[in-house]
C-alpha atoms as a PDB file:
ATOM      1  CA  MET A   1      -6.333  -2.797 -24.259  1.00  0.00           C
ATOM      2  CA  ARG A   2      -5.879  -6.540 -23.919  1.00  0.00           C
ATOM      3  CA  LEU A   3      -6.793  -8.496 -20.803  1.00  0.00           C
ATOM      4  CA  GLU A   4      -3.158  -9.536 -20.413  1.00  0.00           C
ATOM      5  CA  THR A   5      -1.890  -5.954 -20.250  1.00  0.00           C
ATOM      6  CA  VAL A   6      -4.656  -5.072 -17.789  1.00  0.00           C
ATOM      7  CA  GLY A   7      -3.645  -7.969 -15.540  1.00  0.00           C
ATOM      8  CA  VAL A   8      -0.006  -6.916 -15.622  1.00  0.00           C
ATOM      9  CA  LEU A   9      -0.928  -3.310 -14.782  1.00  0.00           C
ATOM     10  CA  VAL A  10      -3.103  -4.430 -11.869  1.00  0.00           C
ATOM     11  CA  ALA A  11      -0.310  -6.640 -10.522  1.00  0.00           C
ATOM     12  CA  LEU A  12       2.198  -3.779 -10.779  1.00  0.00           C
ATOM     13  CA  CYS A  13      -0.197  -1.412  -9.007  1.00  0.00           C
ATOM     14  CA  THR A  14      -0.755  -3.854  -6.144  1.00  0.00           C
ATOM     15  CA  VAL A  15       2.998  -4.412  -5.734  1.00  0.00           C
ATOM     16  CA  LEU A  16       3.691  -0.672  -5.773  1.00  0.00           C
ATOM     17  CA  LEU A  17       0.949  -0.040  -3.207  1.00  0.00           C
ATOM     18  CA  SER A  18       2.308  -2.709  -0.857  1.00  0.00           C
ATOM     19  CA  TRP A  19       5.844  -1.277  -1.156  1.00  0.00           C
ATOM     20  CA  ALA A  20       4.516   2.260  -0.585  1.00  0.00           C
ATOM     21  CA  ARG A  21       2.741   1.119   2.603  1.00  0.00           C
ATOM     22  CA  ARG A  22       5.933  -0.523   3.881  1.00  0.00           C
ATOM     23  CA  LEU A  23       7.968   2.598   3.089  1.00  0.00           C
ATOM     24  CA  ILE A  24       5.444   4.834   4.854  1.00  0.00           C
ATOM     25  CA  VAL A  25       5.505   2.617   7.947  1.00  0.00           C
ATOM     26  CA  VAL A  26       9.316   2.556   8.030  1.00  0.00           C
ATOM     27  CA  LEU A  27       9.555   6.310   7.504  1.00  0.00           C
ATOM     28  CA  THR A  28       7.011   7.070  10.243  1.00  0.00           C
ATOM     29  CA  LYS A  29       8.858   4.791  12.697  1.00  0.00           C
ATOM     30  CA  ALA A  30      12.206   6.381  11.845  1.00  0.00           C
ATOM     31  CA  THR A  31      10.867   9.931  12.178  1.00  0.00           C
ATOM     32  CA  THR A  32       9.211   9.152  15.517  1.00  0.00           C
ATOM     33  CA  ARG A  33      12.447   7.608  16.807  1.00  0.00           C
ATOM     34  CA  ILE A  34      14.464  10.639  15.705  1.00  0.00           C
ATOM     35  CA  ALA A  35      11.895  13.040  17.164  1.00  0.00           C
ATOM     36  CA  ARG A  36      11.880  11.211  20.505  1.00  0.00           C
ATOM     37  CA  HIS A  37      15.659  10.899  20.561  1.00  0.00           C
ATOM     38  CA  SER A  38      16.449  14.525  19.774  1.00  0.00           C
ATOM     39  CA  ASP A  39      13.704  17.036  19.092  1.00  0.00           C
ATOM     40  CA  LYS A  40      15.870  20.143  19.206  1.00  0.00           C
ATOM     41  CA  GLN A  41      18.669  18.725  17.031  1.00  0.00           C
ATOM     42  CA  PHE A  42      16.168  17.495  14.433  1.00  0.00           C
ATOM     43  CA  LEU A  43      14.479  20.904  14.268  1.00  0.00           C
ATOM     44  CA  LEU A  44      17.855  22.619  13.931  1.00  0.00           C
ATOM     45  CA  THR A  45      18.873  20.341  11.063  1.00  0.00           C
ATOM     46  CA  LEU A  46      15.606  21.129   9.252  1.00  0.00           C
ATOM     47  CA  ARG A  47      16.448  24.857   9.291  1.00  0.00           C
END
């Protein structure tokens, strides 16, 4: 593999990791809000 391709792959990996972290944070906040707002309704919708 060339150094250029390696650099591009590393950059893509870092970008994907940063986006994944942001998504995880947003999802955890949303789920906690929903759980606090309505625990019973959320559990019923899961079933």
